Amino acid sequence: MTSRHFSDRHYEGAASGPFSFLNPTTRRIPLSSTQARQLGNSDASVDKSAQNESGANPETSAEDVHHLWRTRDNRKGRHAIAVNPVADKNARFLTPPSTSTLRATLRGIIRMFTTYPYWDVSYLVAVVFTLGSVIWCINACFVWLPLVSPSSEFPGEILDGGGWTAFIGATVFEFGSVLLMLEAVNENRADCFGWALEEVLEEHGLIRITPGKCSHHHQNKKNFVGRGNESTDKPKHGTGMESKDHPDSKNPRTWTWWPSWYELRTHYVKEIGFLACAFQMFGATVFWISGFTALPKIQEALSTPPALNGAYWAPQVVGGSGFIISGVLFMLETQQKWYLPAYTVLGWHIGAWNLIGGIGFTLCGALGFAASSNTGVAYQSSLATFWGSWAFLIGSAIQWFEALDKHPVDIETGGGRVADTQPVA
């Protein structure tokens, strides 16, 4: 007998994913008025700060509301809903307005500079990778600009400035990858809905949906390695083996530094998001070797081409390849079919920019093998680091934006199924 986490949780609602041999990545669960009243009666506590923020905007009258569960959103502590708007007289629900408007996007950008949830591992992942990308952009200026304008070069710019920024940037990427893995293995297992439902007293049968209780660990402000707020959702199966993430479990899991062997072989090896994080971690770890060997004293000691190729350029190629695979997997995670790009999904664009960045870093190392004997190749190698670094920075900035938007709302049109709940900012 297995827990909910490894049995039926992926198949409640309309589940889909890019590959049939891997775990589904998306579930679309309709919310009926009857279900809403039942949930509303059992969950009266609402996130007041979130409610006040949404209350300042006009509500949307809706006929249907769907809970969109995604593996990526689940790791990030996000709770997406899709809303089918109707005229007021036919409405069954009142929901917050769309988060896909220009105004909502600008509000999200402002939130990036005014909100600092340091207890949220997803926020830390985004900020750390953004910082690391900035350092790599500085590194690229040190090693590429002297080739563009030799007169601008100052003593020690390439060897010292480039070497130390490469080491620091690689170290920051490694730290960010560790946080990324922690985020992946601490996904929420309680099937958190994340919204509060209450019946509007003035209109019998009309249900208001507002940001509410959440069992994701991202909400715990007391300590970094703790569990989320308690939820009143009850286990659907009385097996006595409910997930340890579930608040009704006798031994609720608070935090794990690494999953068990059973979890790895039965769940995580089939989870696209976990595989993407694992390849990111592998790539960052190997890439860190080239950051270490970029230090000035070590670079001076690598006087022969074979030594330089083996200790400096080769780790860049292998590590960059890990970044490429990771970027592709992050993109596939957001797609309903492996061959259909999810252009409207925010997470897809994060993966795409990381893919471009990985190509740049890999190309830098691949060209580096011949850089010592050809100035043109050396120029292109340094240039690849430049545009690769900027691609990582763009992807990390979008991820920062994503990490702070915990309750995205998509307004559907024409009855079609929603692709995502946030525009590309």
Protein backbone atom coordinates (compact mmCIF):
# COMPACT_ATOMS: atom_id res chain seq x y z
CA MET A 1 0.00 0.00 0.00
CA THR A 2 1.36 3.40 -0.93
CA SER A 3 0.66 6.97 0.13
CA ARG A 4 -1.47 9.45 -1.80
CA HIS A 5 1.67 11.08 -3.08
CA PHE A 6 2.61 8.00 -5.08
CA SER A 7 -0.81 6.66 -6.01
CA ASP A 8 -3.79 8.66 -7.18
CA ARG A 9 -2.91 12.33 -6.66
CA HIS A 10 -1.65 12.77 -10.22
CA TYR A 11 -4.81 11.39 -11.75
CA GLU A 12 -7.57 13.32 -9.99
CA GLY A 13 -9.14 15.61 -12.57
CA ALA A 14 -8.03 15.83 -16.20
CA ALA A 15 -4.32 14.95 -16.04
CA SER A 16 -1.89 15.49 -18.91
CA GLY A 17 1.81 15.67 -19.64
CA PRO A 18 4.28 15.62 -22.54
CA PHE A 19 5.28 11.95 -22.07
CA SER A 20 3.07 9.02 -21.13
CA PHE A 21 5.96 7.16 -19.45
CA LEU A 22 6.56 10.04 -17.01
CA ASN A 23 4.32 11.53 -14.35
CA PRO A 24 1.59 13.92 -15.54
CA THR A 25 2.57 17.56 -15.15
CA THR A 26 -0.86 19.23 -15.23
CA ARG A 27 -4.29 18.57 -13.76
CA ARG A 28 -7.38 20.61 -14.47
CA ILE A 29 -10.00 20.21 -11.75
CA PRO A 30 -13.44 21.84 -12.15
CA LEU A 31 -14.90 23.56 -9.11
CA SER A 32 -18.67 23.19 -8.83
CA SER A 33 -20.89 25.40 -6.70
CA THR A 34 -21.67 22.44 -4.43
CA GLN A 35 -17.98 21.72 -3.89
CA ALA A 36 -17.36 25.41 -3.32
CA ARG A 37 -19.97 25.61 -0.57
CA GLN A 38 -18.59 22.51 1.11
CA LEU A 39 -15.03 23.81 0.99
CA GLY A 40 -16.14 27.26 2.00
CA ASN A 41 -17.87 25.96 5.11
CA SER A 42 -14.76 24.08 6.19
CA ASP A 43 -12.22 26.79 5.39
CA ALA A 44 -13.25 30.13 6.82
CA SER A 45 -9.76 31.47 7.38
CA VAL A 46 -8.50 33.80 4.68
CA ASP A 47 -5.12 35.34 3.96
CA LYS A 48 -6.08 38.91 4.90
CA SER A 49 -3.14 40.60 3.20
CA ALA A 50 -3.87 38.83 -0.07
CA GLN A 51 -7.60 39.50 0.28
CA ASN A 52 -7.05 43.20 0.83
CA GLU A 53 -4.80 43.38 -2.20
CA SER A 54 -7.34 41.67 -4.44
CA GLY A 55 -10.21 43.57 -2.87
CA ALA A 56 -8.89 46.84 -4.25
CA ASN A 57 -9.70 45.59 -7.77
CA PRO A 58 -13.07 44.84 -9.36
CA GLU A 59 -14.11 41.20 -9.11
CA THR A 60 -14.90 38.99 -12.08
CA SER A 61 -18.26 37.24 -12.37
CA ALA A 62 -17.74 33.69 -13.56
CA GLU A 63 -19.76 30.67 -14.60
CA ASP A 64 -16.99 28.10 -14.22
CA VAL A 65 -13.73 28.00 -12.28
CA HIS A 66 -11.01 25.38 -12.63
CA HIS A 67 -8.14 24.66 -10.29
CA LEU A 68 -4.99 24.29 -12.41
CA TRP A 69 -2.46 22.06 -10.66
CA ARG A 70 0.98 22.01 -12.26
CA THR A 71 4.16 20.35 -11.06
CA ARG A 72 6.13 23.57 -11.55
CA ASP A 73 3.54 25.68 -9.76
CA ASN A 74 3.45 23.13 -6.95
CA ARG A 75 7.23 23.46 -6.42
CA LYS A 76 6.95 27.24 -6.45
CA GLY A 77 4.01 27.40 -4.03
CA ARG A 78 1.67 28.85 -6.67
CA HIS A 79 -2.09 28.29 -6.92
CA ALA A 80 -3.53 28.88 -10.37
CA ILE A 81 -7.19 29.09 -11.34
CA ALA A 82 -8.86 29.48 -14.72
CA VAL A 83 -12.02 31.57 -14.84
CA ASN A 84 -14.77 31.54 -17.47
CA PRO A 85 -16.44 34.98 -17.16
CA VAL A 86 -20.17 35.51 -17.72
CA ALA A 87 -22.80 38.22 -17.29
CA ASP A 88 -23.67 38.89 -13.65
CA LYS A 89 -27.10 37.26 -13.84
CA ASN A 90 -25.58 33.89 -14.77
CA ALA A 91 -22.66 34.03 -12.38
CA ARG A 92 -21.94 31.27 -9.89
CA PHE A 93 -18.59 32.66 -8.68
CA LEU A 94 -16.89 35.96 -7.89
CA THR A 95 -13.13 35.84 -8.43
CA PRO A 96 -10.18 38.26 -8.36
CA PRO A 97 -9.42 39.94 -11.71
CA SER A 98 -7.02 38.54 -14.27
CA THR A 99 -3.31 38.63 -13.45
CA SER A 100 -2.49 38.64 -17.17
CA THR A 101 -3.11 42.33 -17.75
CA LEU A 102 -0.48 44.99 -18.28
CA ARG A 103 -1.44 46.64 -15.02
CA ALA A 104 -1.09 43.37 -13.09
CA THR A 105 2.27 42.71 -14.73
CA LEU A 106 3.58 46.15 -13.78
CA ARG A 107 2.33 45.55 -10.25
CA GLY A 108 4.28 42.30 -10.23
CA ILE A 109 7.45 44.05 -11.36
CA ILE A 110 7.08 46.61 -8.59
CA ARG A 111 6.56 43.75 -6.14
CA MET A 112 9.99 42.40 -7.11
CA PHE A 113 11.61 45.51 -5.61
CA THR A 114 9.34 45.93 -2.61
CA THR A 115 8.77 42.38 -1.34
CA TYR A 116 11.51 40.23 0.22
CA PRO A 117 10.16 36.83 1.38
CA TYR A 118 13.57 35.52 2.43
CA TRP A 119 11.90 32.46 4.04
CA ASP A 120 10.61 31.31 0.62
CA VAL A 121 13.05 28.88 -1.04
CA SER A 122 11.57 29.59 -4.50
CA TYR A 123 12.21 33.29 -4.02
CA LEU A 124 15.78 32.55 -2.91
CA VAL A 125 16.37 30.34 -5.97
CA ALA A 126 15.30 33.15 -8.30
CA VAL A 127 17.29 35.86 -6.52
CA VAL A 128 20.45 33.74 -6.26
CA PHE A 129 20.39 32.84 -9.95
CA THR A 130 19.73 36.47 -10.84
CA LEU A 131 22.75 37.53 -8.77
CA GLY A 132 24.88 34.81 -10.35
CA SER A 133 23.80 35.88 -13.84
CA VAL A 134 24.74 39.50 -13.09
CA ILE A 135 28.20 38.34 -12.01
CA TRP A 136 28.58 36.37 -15.24
CA CYS A 137 27.54 39.42 -17.27
CA ILE A 138 30.32 41.36 -15.52
CA ASN A 139 32.72 38.51 -16.24
CA ALA A 140 31.77 38.58 -19.92
CA CYS A 141 32.54 42.29 -20.08
CA PHE A 142 35.99 41.65 -18.58
CA VAL A 143 36.92 38.96 -21.10
CA TRP A 144 35.09 40.13 -24.23
CA LEU A 145 35.29 43.93 -24.28
CA PRO A 146 39.13 44.00 -24.46
CA LEU A 147 38.83 42.00 -27.68
CA VAL A 148 36.32 44.49 -29.07
CA SER A 149 38.28 47.57 -27.99
CA PRO A 150 41.88 46.71 -27.03
CA SER A 151 42.54 50.32 -26.01
CA SER A 152 40.00 50.00 -23.18
CA GLU A 153 41.81 47.11 -21.49
CA PHE A 154 43.36 47.78 -18.10
CA PRO A 155 46.03 45.70 -16.33
CA GLY A 156 44.69 42.41 -14.99
CA GLU A 157 41.26 42.85 -16.58
CA ILE A 158 41.10 39.46 -18.29
CA LEU A 159 43.21 37.32 -15.96
CA ASP A 160 42.27 38.81 -12.58
CA GLY A 161 38.88 40.38 -13.22
CA GLY A 162 37.71 37.57 -15.50
CA GLY A 163 39.15 34.83 -13.29
CA TRP A 164 37.70 35.98 -9.99
CA THR A 165 34.25 36.79 -11.40
CA ALA A 166 34.17 33.36 -13.09
CA PHE A 167 34.93 31.67 -9.78
CA ILE A 168 32.36 33.72 -7.84
CA GLY A 169 29.72 33.33 -10.55
CA ALA A 170 30.21 29.54 -10.73
CA THR A 171 30.00 29.31 -6.95
CA VAL A 172 26.77 31.29 -6.84
CA PHE A 173 25.29 29.06 -9.56
CA GLU A 174 26.26 26.01 -7.53
CA PHE A 175 24.57 27.41 -4.43
CA GLY A 176 21.46 28.26 -6.45
CA SER A 177 21.37 24.71 -7.82
CA VAL A 178 21.47 23.30 -4.28
CA LEU A 179 18.46 25.46 -3.39
CA LEU A 180 16.76 24.33 -6.60
CA MET A 181 17.14 20.68 -5.57
CA LEU A 182 15.81 21.45 -2.08
CA GLU A 183 12.81 23.10 -3.69
CA ALA A 184 12.24 20.03 -5.88
CA VAL A 185 12.33 17.43 -3.09
CA ASN A 186 10.11 19.54 -0.82
CA GLU A 187 7.20 19.79 -3.22
CA ASN A 188 3.85 19.96 -1.49
CA ARG A 189 2.08 16.60 -1.18
CA ALA A 190 -1.19 17.71 0.40
CA ASP A 191 -2.77 18.80 -2.91
CA CYS A 192 -3.04 22.38 -1.70
CA PHE A 193 -5.88 24.41 -3.24
CA GLY A 194 -4.66 27.72 -1.82
CA TRP A 195 -7.91 29.65 -2.16
CA ALA A 196 -10.65 30.48 0.36
CA LEU A 197 -14.29 29.96 -0.67
CA GLU A 198 -17.26 31.61 0.97
CA GLU A 199 -20.91 32.04 0.06
CA VAL A 200 -22.02 35.62 -0.62
CA LEU A 201 -24.80 36.26 1.88
CA GLU A 202 -26.56 38.85 -0.29
CA GLU A 203 -26.79 36.42 -3.21
CA HIS A 204 -27.78 32.86 -2.31
CA GLY A 205 -25.61 30.32 -4.11
CA LEU A 206 -22.98 32.84 -5.28
CA ILE A 207 -19.47 31.89 -4.18
CA ARG A 208 -16.58 34.34 -3.67
CA ILE A 209 -13.05 33.01 -4.25
CA THR A 210 -10.16 34.81 -2.54
CA PRO A 211 -6.54 33.90 -1.71
CA GLY A 212 -6.66 31.75 1.40
CA LYS A 213 -5.02 29.02 3.44
CA CYS A 214 -1.99 27.25 2.05
CA SER A 215 -0.09 24.16 3.17
CA HIS A 216 3.02 24.87 1.06
CA HIS A 217 6.19 25.35 3.09
CA HIS A 218 6.76 28.63 1.22
CA GLN A 219 4.30 30.34 3.56
CA ASN A 220 6.20 29.57 6.75
CA LYS A 221 7.83 32.83 7.87
CA LYS A 222 9.23 31.48 11.13
CA ASN A 223 12.09 29.39 9.77
CA PHE A 224 13.52 28.31 6.46
CA VAL A 225 13.14 24.57 6.97
CA GLY A 226 9.60 24.37 8.31
CA ARG A 227 6.19 23.31 7.10
CA GLY A 228 3.49 25.54 5.70
CA ASN A 229 0.34 26.71 7.42
CA GLU A 230 -2.08 24.03 8.44
CA SER A 231 -4.95 23.27 6.13
CA THR A 232 -8.37 21.91 6.97
CA ASP A 233 -8.54 19.70 3.88
CA LYS A 234 -9.19 16.10 4.89
CA PRO A 235 -7.47 13.06 3.41
CA LYS A 236 -9.63 11.41 0.79
CA HIS A 237 -8.48 7.93 1.70
CA GLY A 238 -8.53 6.37 5.13
CA THR A 239 -5.57 4.13 4.45
CA GLY A 240 -3.60 5.27 7.49
CA MET A 241 -0.70 6.05 5.15
CA GLU A 242 -1.54 9.59 4.12
CA SER A 243 1.31 11.70 2.88
CA LYS A 244 3.57 13.08 5.57
CA ASP A 245 3.00 16.50 4.05
CA HIS A 246 -0.65 16.23 4.97
CA PRO A 247 -1.47 18.17 8.16
CA ASP A 248 -3.72 15.31 9.35
CA SER A 249 -0.87 12.85 9.20
CA LYS A 250 0.35 11.63 12.60
CA ASN A 251 3.92 12.44 11.58
CA PRO A 252 3.73 15.42 9.21
CA ARG A 253 6.90 16.02 7.28
CA THR A 254 8.42 19.45 7.92
CA TRP A 255 11.41 19.45 5.60
CA THR A 256 13.66 16.95 3.88
CA TRP A 257 17.21 17.43 2.69
CA TRP A 258 17.02 14.46 0.35
CA PRO A 259 14.26 11.99 -0.59
CA SER A 260 14.34 8.35 0.37
CA TRP A 261 15.45 5.68 -2.06
CA TYR A 262 11.82 4.55 -2.34
CA GLU A 263 10.71 8.07 -3.28
CA LEU A 264 13.49 8.36 -5.84
CA ARG A 265 12.75 5.13 -7.69
CA THR A 266 8.95 5.32 -7.54
CA HIS A 267 8.33 8.99 -8.07
CA TYR A 268 11.19 11.40 -8.70
CA VAL A 269 12.82 9.50 -11.56
CA LYS A 270 9.50 9.96 -13.37
CA GLU A 271 9.10 13.63 -12.46
CA ILE A 272 10.25 15.95 -15.27
CA GLY A 273 10.78 18.90 -12.95
CA PHE A 274 13.00 16.88 -10.62
CA LEU A 275 15.04 15.57 -13.55
CA ALA A 276 15.48 19.14 -14.82
CA CYS A 277 16.71 20.26 -11.38
CA ALA A 278 19.04 17.27 -11.18
CA PHE A 279 20.66 18.07 -14.53
CA GLN A 280 20.96 21.71 -13.46
CA MET A 281 22.74 20.56 -10.30
CA PHE A 282 25.02 18.23 -12.27
CA GLY A 283 25.85 20.95 -14.78
CA ALA A 284 26.56 23.56 -12.10
CA THR A 285 28.80 21.17 -10.16
CA VAL A 286 30.94 20.26 -13.18
CA PHE A 287 30.93 23.86 -14.37
CA TRP A 288 32.25 24.97 -10.99
CA ILE A 289 35.52 23.16 -11.84
CA SER A 290 36.12 25.59 -14.69
CA GLY A 291 35.28 28.47 -12.33
CA PHE A 292 37.88 27.22 -9.88
CA THR A 293 40.55 26.71 -12.56
CA ALA A 294 39.81 30.23 -13.85
CA LEU A 295 41.47 31.72 -10.75
CA PRO A 296 44.58 33.70 -11.77
CA LYS A 297 47.20 31.53 -10.02
CA ILE A 298 45.69 28.32 -11.39
CA GLN A 299 45.39 29.75 -14.89
CA GLU A 300 49.08 30.64 -14.82
CA ALA A 301 49.91 27.08 -13.74
CA LEU A 302 47.95 25.60 -16.66
CA SER A 303 50.66 26.54 -19.12
CA THR A 304 50.17 23.74 -21.66
CA PRO A 305 47.17 23.35 -23.98
CA PRO A 306 46.34 19.79 -22.80
CA ALA A 307 46.22 20.93 -19.17
CA LEU A 308 44.11 23.98 -20.03
CA ASN A 309 41.75 21.93 -22.19
CA GLY A 310 41.25 19.23 -19.58
CA ALA A 311 40.92 21.38 -16.47
CA TYR A 312 39.26 24.51 -17.86
CA TRP A 313 37.54 24.11 -21.23
CA ALA A 314 36.22 20.54 -20.89
CA PRO A 315 34.26 21.21 -17.65
CA GLN A 316 32.62 24.15 -19.40
CA VAL A 317 31.41 21.90 -22.20
CA VAL A 318 30.14 19.18 -19.87
CA GLY A 319 28.61 21.63 -17.39
CA GLY A 320 27.03 23.71 -20.15
CA SER A 321 25.53 20.55 -21.63
CA GLY A 322 23.86 19.92 -18.27
CA PHE A 323 22.36 23.42 -18.45
CA ILE A 324 21.06 22.70 -21.96
CA ILE A 325 19.34 19.47 -20.91
CA SER A 326 17.89 21.18 -17.85
CA GLY A 327 16.48 24.04 -19.93
CA VAL A 328 14.86 21.62 -22.38
CA LEU A 329 13.26 19.62 -19.55
CA PHE A 330 11.92 22.76 -17.86
CA MET A 331 10.31 23.71 -21.17
CA LEU A 332 8.83 20.24 -21.69
CA GLU A 333 7.42 20.27 -18.17
CA THR A 334 5.07 23.10 -19.11
CA GLN A 335 3.95 21.57 -22.43
CA GLN A 336 0.88 19.37 -22.85
CA LYS A 337 2.56 17.67 -25.82
CA TRP A 338 6.31 17.29 -26.29
CA TYR A 339 6.08 18.77 -29.79
CA LEU A 340 3.84 21.75 -28.94
CA PRO A 341 5.73 24.76 -27.50
CA ALA A 342 3.87 26.47 -24.66
CA TYR A 343 4.51 30.04 -25.73
CA THR A 344 1.98 31.49 -23.30
CA VAL A 345 3.38 29.73 -20.24
CA LEU A 346 5.72 31.76 -18.08
CA GLY A 347 7.74 28.73 -16.98
CA TRP A 348 8.29 27.75 -20.61
CA HIS A 349 10.05 31.03 -21.30
CA ILE A 350 12.22 30.60 -18.22
CA GLY A 351 13.35 27.23 -19.55
CA ALA A 352 13.87 28.67 -23.04
CA TRP A 353 16.15 31.46 -21.81
CA ASN A 354 18.07 28.99 -19.66
CA LEU A 355 18.47 26.79 -22.73
CA ILE A 356 19.94 29.72 -24.67
CA GLY A 357 22.25 30.50 -21.77
CA GLY A 358 23.39 26.88 -21.61
CA ILE A 359 24.13 26.90 -25.34
CA GLY A 360 26.23 30.04 -24.89
CA PHE A 361 28.28 28.58 -22.04
CA THR A 362 28.75 25.27 -23.86
CA LEU A 363 29.78 27.03 -27.06
CA CYS A 364 32.29 29.10 -25.12
CA GLY A 365 34.01 25.95 -23.89
CA ALA A 366 33.81 24.16 -27.23
CA LEU A 367 35.42 27.08 -29.06
CA GLY A 368 37.95 27.50 -26.28
CA PHE A 369 39.84 24.38 -27.38
CA ALA A 370 41.03 26.29 -30.45
CA ALA A 371 41.06 29.80 -28.95
CA SER A 372 44.78 29.84 -28.20
CA SER A 373 45.72 29.45 -31.88
CA ASN A 374 43.01 31.56 -33.53
CA THR A 375 42.04 35.08 -32.46
CA GLY A 376 38.71 34.89 -34.29
CA VAL A 377 37.73 31.77 -32.39
CA ALA A 378 38.82 33.39 -29.12
CA TYR A 379 36.57 36.36 -29.92
CA GLN A 380 33.54 34.13 -30.57
CA SER A 381 34.24 32.09 -27.44
CA SER A 382 34.18 35.20 -25.27
CA LEU A 383 31.15 36.54 -27.11
CA ALA A 384 29.25 33.31 -26.40
CA THR A 385 29.77 33.88 -22.68
CA PHE A 386 28.46 37.43 -23.10
CA TRP A 387 25.12 36.58 -24.73
CA GLY A 388 24.78 33.37 -22.71
CA SER A 389 25.09 35.34 -19.47
CA TRP A 390 22.43 37.80 -20.55
CA ALA A 391 20.10 34.94 -21.49
CA PHE A 392 20.51 33.46 -17.99
CA LEU A 393 19.83 36.90 -16.50
CA ILE A 394 16.58 37.31 -18.44
CA GLY A 395 15.39 33.83 -17.45
CA SER A 396 16.29 34.41 -13.80
CA ALA A 397 14.48 37.76 -13.73
CA ILE A 398 11.31 36.14 -15.09
CA GLN A 399 11.68 33.41 -12.46
CA TRP A 400 11.93 36.09 -9.77
CA PHE A 401 8.68 37.60 -11.06
CA GLU A 402 7.06 34.15 -11.08
CA ALA A 403 8.13 33.29 -7.53
CA LEU A 404 6.27 36.28 -6.09
CA ASP A 405 3.00 35.66 -7.92
CA LYS A 406 1.41 32.97 -5.73
CA HIS A 407 -2.22 33.30 -6.87
CA PRO A 408 -2.34 33.72 -10.66
CA VAL A 409 -5.76 34.06 -12.28
CA ASP A 410 -6.47 33.52 -15.96
CA ILE A 411 -9.63 34.77 -17.62
CA GLU A 412 -10.59 32.32 -20.35
CA THR A 413 -12.31 33.41 -23.55
CA GLY A 414 -14.32 31.35 -25.99
CA GLY A 415 -14.54 28.40 -23.64
CA GLY A 416 -11.05 27.21 -24.56
CA ARG A 417 -8.68 25.67 -22.09
CA VAL A 418 -6.15 27.91 -20.49
CA ALA A 419 -2.48 27.57 -21.33
CA ASP A 420 -1.08 29.61 -18.46
CA THR A 421 -1.98 32.11 -15.82
CA GLN A 422 0.56 34.82 -16.31
CA PRO A 423 1.77 36.80 -19.34
CA VAL A 424 5.36 36.90 -20.43
CA ALA A 425 6.73 39.96 -18.69
